[in-house]
Amino acid sequence: MRETPYTERFWEALSDGRFLIHACEDCEERFFPPAPVCPNCHSRSVEWLESNGIGELYSFTRQHATADGFPDEIVAGVVELDDGPRLLTAIDETYADLALGDRVRVEPREYPHDYDRGRHAEQPFFAATTIDGDE
């Protein structure tokens, strides 16, 4: 997600252990990444919503060859949040332990890679982990 003054509220919420998404006040579309304009109806009437980050693993893959500063294998996937939007995220699980439809939670995590994140270098990022289906 691109670092802009508009997304500062998102990064601050991550530091507080919260995960935010956006919702359009006109068409009720919920979306991620945050943006000042709804991608569905183009309204500028959008609001921040706190999400519990719980959803379903929609797809996933692993990257075998990575850039310097990253581990040899990265697992990433698309999570469809119960709140509505789908988002691309790192997954803190081994590839072999995952299955489509797994229940997951997206939550703040310490950024584990040796990559320059500018002014957000000390702030968390986010990743998904599997959870019990009862949560």
C-alpha atoms as a PDB file:
ATOM      1  CA  MET A   1       0.000   0.000   0.000  1.00  0.00           C
ATOM      2  CA  ARG A   2       1.385   3.369  -0.992  1.00  0.00           C
ATOM      3  CA  GLU A   3       2.429   5.739   1.786  1.00  0.00           C
ATOM      4  CA  THR A   4       0.509   9.025   1.550  1.00  0.00           C
ATOM      5  CA  PRO A   5      -0.791  11.569   4.075  1.00  0.00           C
ATOM      6  CA  TYR A   6      -4.277  10.154   3.411  1.00  0.00           C
ATOM      7  CA  THR A   7      -3.292   6.676   4.620  1.00  0.00           C
ATOM      8  CA  GLU A   8      -1.581   7.948   7.789  1.00  0.00           C
ATOM      9  CA  ARG A   9      -4.675   7.077   9.836  1.00  0.00           C
ATOM     10  CA  PHE A  10      -4.381   3.457   8.653  1.00  0.00           C
ATOM     11  CA  TRP A  11      -0.724   3.229   9.743  1.00  0.00           C
ATOM     12  CA  GLU A  12      -1.489   4.821  13.113  1.00  0.00           C
ATOM     13  CA  ALA A  13      -4.293   2.313  13.694  1.00  0.00           C
ATOM     14  CA  LEU A  14      -1.925  -0.586  12.925  1.00  0.00           C
ATOM     15  CA  SER A  15       0.436   0.786  15.572  1.00  0.00           C
ATOM     16  CA  ASP A  16      -2.497   0.689  18.007  1.00  0.00           C
ATOM     17  CA  GLY A  17      -3.268  -2.937  17.092  1.00  0.00           C
ATOM     18  CA  ARG A  18      -6.277  -2.113  14.917  1.00  0.00           C
ATOM     19  CA  PHE A  19      -6.979  -2.864  11.231  1.00  0.00           C
ATOM     20  CA  LEU A  20      -8.985  -0.292   9.261  1.00  0.00           C
ATOM     21  CA  ILE A  21     -10.876  -0.586   5.992  1.00  0.00           C
ATOM     22  CA  HIS A  22     -12.966   1.943   4.067  1.00  0.00           C
ATOM     23  CA  ALA A  23     -16.710   2.117   3.468  1.00  0.00           C
ATOM     24  CA  CYS A  24     -18.635   4.298   1.059  1.00  0.00           C
ATOM     25  CA  GLU A  25     -21.447   6.240   2.691  1.00  0.00           C
ATOM     26  CA  ASP A  26     -23.364   6.428  -0.612  1.00  0.00           C
ATOM     27  CA  CYS A  27     -23.281   2.882  -2.031  1.00  0.00           C
ATOM     28  CA  GLU A  28     -22.113   1.041   1.127  1.00  0.00           C
ATOM     29  CA  GLU A  29     -19.213  -0.642  -0.720  1.00  0.00           C
ATOM     30  CA  ARG A  30     -16.417  -1.661   1.643  1.00  0.00           C
ATOM     31  CA  PHE A  31     -12.957  -1.558   0.138  1.00  0.00           C
ATOM     32  CA  PHE A  32      -9.226  -1.847   0.656  1.00  0.00           C
ATOM     33  CA  PRO A  33      -6.715  -0.279   0.220  1.00  0.00           C
ATOM     34  CA  PRO A  34      -8.034   2.964   1.669  1.00  0.00           C
ATOM     35  CA  ALA A  35      -8.639   5.737  -0.823  1.00  0.00           C
ATOM     36  CA  PRO A  36     -10.477   9.070  -0.759  1.00  0.00           C
ATOM     37  CA  VAL A  37     -12.804   7.955  -3.584  1.00  0.00           C
ATOM     38  CA  CYS A  38     -15.053   4.887  -3.665  1.00  0.00           C
ATOM     39  CA  PRO A  39     -13.897   2.493  -6.432  1.00  0.00           C
ATOM     40  CA  ASN A  40     -17.511   1.394  -7.003  1.00  0.00           C
ATOM     41  CA  CYS A  41     -19.507   4.633  -7.367  1.00  0.00           C
ATOM     42  CA  HIS A  42     -16.721   7.266  -7.293  1.00  0.00           C
ATOM     43  CA  SER A  43     -18.222   9.069  -4.311  1.00  0.00           C
ATOM     44  CA  ARG A  44     -15.949  11.061  -2.046  1.00  0.00           C
ATOM     45  CA  SER A  45     -18.183  10.240   0.949  1.00  0.00           C
ATOM     46  CA  VAL A  46     -16.050   7.517   2.467  1.00  0.00           C
ATOM     47  CA  GLU A  47     -15.399   6.645   6.084  1.00  0.00           C
ATOM     48  CA  TRP A  48     -12.925   4.576   8.055  1.00  0.00           C
ATOM     49  CA  LEU A  49     -14.225   1.386   9.685  1.00  0.00           C
ATOM     50  CA  GLU A  50     -12.452  -0.841  12.168  1.00  0.00           C
ATOM     51  CA  SER A  51     -12.378  -4.451  10.997  1.00  0.00           C
ATOM     52  CA  ASN A  52     -11.821  -7.511  13.146  1.00  0.00           C
ATOM     53  CA  GLY A  53      -9.704  -8.766  10.234  1.00  0.00           C
ATOM     54  CA  ILE A  54     -11.449 -12.137  10.099  1.00  0.00           C
ATOM     55  CA  GLY A  55     -12.184 -13.713   6.755  1.00  0.00           C
ATOM     56  CA  GLU A  56     -11.601 -16.582   4.383  1.00  0.00           C
ATOM     57  CA  LEU A  57      -8.498 -17.471   2.410  1.00  0.00           C
ATOM     58  CA  TYR A  58      -9.612 -16.859  -1.179  1.00  0.00           C
ATOM     59  CA  SER A  59      -6.318 -17.742  -2.889  1.00  0.00           C
ATOM     60  CA  PHE A  60      -2.667 -18.163  -1.986  1.00  0.00           C
ATOM     61  CA  THR A  61       0.752 -18.763  -3.497  1.00  0.00           C
ATOM     62  CA  ARG A  62       4.397 -18.850  -2.582  1.00  0.00           C
ATOM     63  CA  GLN A  63       7.288 -16.985  -4.066  1.00  0.00           C
ATOM     64  CA  HIS A  64      10.421 -19.119  -4.351  1.00  0.00           C
ATOM     65  CA  ALA A  65      12.866 -16.504  -5.632  1.00  0.00           C
ATOM     66  CA  THR A  66      12.941 -13.279  -3.643  1.00  0.00           C
ATOM     67  CA  ALA A  67      14.872 -10.038  -3.572  1.00  0.00           C
ATOM     68  CA  ASP A  68      17.710  -9.331  -1.152  1.00  0.00           C
ATOM     69  CA  GLY A  69      16.417  -8.684   2.352  1.00  0.00           C
ATOM     70  CA  PHE A  70      13.519 -11.124   2.064  1.00  0.00           C
ATOM     71  CA  PRO A  71      13.364 -14.773   3.134  1.00  0.00           C
ATOM     72  CA  ASP A  72      13.872 -17.506   0.569  1.00  0.00           C
ATOM     73  CA  GLU A  73      10.148 -18.238   0.405  1.00  0.00           C
ATOM     74  CA  ILE A  74       7.269 -15.824   0.924  1.00  0.00           C
ATOM     75  CA  VAL A  75       3.679 -17.024   1.310  1.00  0.00           C
ATOM     76  CA  ALA A  76       1.039 -14.500   0.236  1.00  0.00           C
ATOM     77  CA  GLY A  77      -2.637 -14.670  -0.508  1.00  0.00           C
ATOM     78  CA  VAL A  78      -5.924 -12.922  -1.016  1.00  0.00           C
ATOM     79  CA  VAL A  79      -8.234 -12.824   1.982  1.00  0.00           C
ATOM     80  CA  GLU A  80     -11.926 -12.044   1.644  1.00  0.00           C
ATOM     81  CA  LEU A  81     -12.805 -10.302   4.886  1.00  0.00           C
ATOM     82  CA  ASP A  82     -16.179 -10.978   6.490  1.00  0.00           C
ATOM     83  CA  ASP A  83     -16.477  -7.168   6.412  1.00  0.00           C
ATOM     84  CA  GLY A  84     -16.520  -7.276   2.608  1.00  0.00           C
ATOM     85  CA  PRO A  85     -13.289  -6.385   0.825  1.00  0.00           C
ATOM     86  CA  ARG A  86     -10.631  -8.706  -0.500  1.00  0.00           C
ATOM     87  CA  LEU A  87      -7.026  -7.830   0.203  1.00  0.00           C
ATOM     88  CA  LEU A  88      -3.594  -9.132  -0.674  1.00  0.00           C
ATOM     89  CA  THR A  89      -1.506  -9.962   2.384  1.00  0.00           C
ATOM     90  CA  ALA A  90       1.456 -11.920   3.626  1.00  0.00           C
ATOM     91  CA  ILE A  91       0.476 -15.156   5.347  1.00  0.00           C
ATOM     92  CA  ASP A  92       2.348 -16.264   8.468  1.00  0.00           C
ATOM     93  CA  GLU A  93       1.849 -19.975   7.791  1.00  0.00           C
ATOM     94  CA  THR A  94       3.693 -22.572   5.763  1.00  0.00           C
ATOM     95  CA  TYR A  95       2.372 -23.114   2.267  1.00  0.00           C
ATOM     96  CA  ALA A  96       1.751 -26.834   2.848  1.00  0.00           C
ATOM     97  CA  ASP A  97      -0.495 -26.105   5.858  1.00  0.00           C
ATOM     98  CA  LEU A  98      -2.915 -23.876   3.916  1.00  0.00           C
ATOM     99  CA  ALA A  99      -6.132 -24.697   2.067  1.00  0.00           C
ATOM    100  CA  LEU A 100      -8.601 -22.547   0.157  1.00  0.00           C
ATOM    101  CA  GLY A 101     -11.412 -21.516   2.473  1.00  0.00           C
ATOM    102  CA  ASP A 102      -9.284 -21.560   5.642  1.00  0.00           C
ATOM    103  CA  ARG A 103     -10.498 -19.077   8.237  1.00  0.00           C
ATOM    104  CA  VAL A 104      -7.851 -16.427   8.845  1.00  0.00           C
ATOM    105  CA  ARG A 105      -7.310 -13.226  10.773  1.00  0.00           C
ATOM    106  CA  VAL A 106      -5.430 -10.272   9.318  1.00  0.00           C
ATOM    107  CA  GLU A 107      -3.721  -8.322  12.069  1.00  0.00           C
ATOM    108  CA  PRO A 108      -0.768  -6.050  12.723  1.00  0.00           C
ATOM    109  CA  ARG A 109       2.640  -7.720  12.771  1.00  0.00           C
ATOM    110  CA  GLU A 110       6.166  -6.507  13.230  1.00  0.00           C
ATOM    111  CA  TYR A 111       7.674  -6.000   9.794  1.00  0.00           C
ATOM    112  CA  PRO A 112      10.152  -8.884   9.468  1.00  0.00           C
ATOM    113  CA  HIS A 113      12.097  -7.931   6.342  1.00  0.00           C
ATOM    114  CA  ASP A 114      15.260  -5.916   5.833  1.00  0.00           C
ATOM    115  CA  TYR A 115      13.686  -3.404   3.478  1.00  0.00           C
ATOM    116  CA  ASP A 116      13.658   0.389   3.740  1.00  0.00           C
ATOM    117  CA  ARG A 117      10.110   1.484   4.633  1.00  0.00           C
ATOM    118  CA  GLY A 118      11.001   5.133   5.119  1.00  0.00           C
ATOM    119  CA  ARG A 119       9.197   6.856   7.974  1.00  0.00           C
ATOM    120  CA  HIS A 120       7.169   3.700   8.693  1.00  0.00           C
ATOM    121  CA  ALA A 121      10.303   1.640   9.418  1.00  0.00           C
ATOM    122  CA  GLU A 122       9.412   1.245  13.112  1.00  0.00           C
ATOM    123  CA  GLN A 123       5.690   0.671  12.567  1.00  0.00           C
ATOM    124  CA  PRO A 124       3.993  -2.695  12.098  1.00  0.00           C
ATOM    125  CA  PHE A 125       2.696  -4.087   8.844  1.00  0.00           C
ATOM    126  CA  PHE A 126      -0.009  -6.764   8.637  1.00  0.00           C
ATOM    127  CA  ALA A 127      -0.256 -10.469   7.890  1.00  0.00           C
ATOM    128  CA  ALA A 128      -2.816 -13.273   8.044  1.00  0.00           C
ATOM    129  CA  THR A 129      -2.746 -16.369  10.246  1.00  0.00           C
ATOM    130  CA  THR A 130      -5.168 -19.270  10.340  1.00  0.00           C
ATOM    131  CA  ILE A 131      -7.727 -19.409  13.147  1.00  0.00           C
ATOM    132  CA  ASP A 132     -10.293 -21.886  14.415  1.00  0.00           C
ATOM    133  CA  GLY A 133     -13.487 -21.784  12.378  1.00  0.00           C
ATOM    134  CA  ASP A 134     -15.449 -20.865  15.537  1.00  0.00           C
ATOM    135  CA  GLU A 135     -13.854 -17.430  15.891  1.00  0.00           C
END
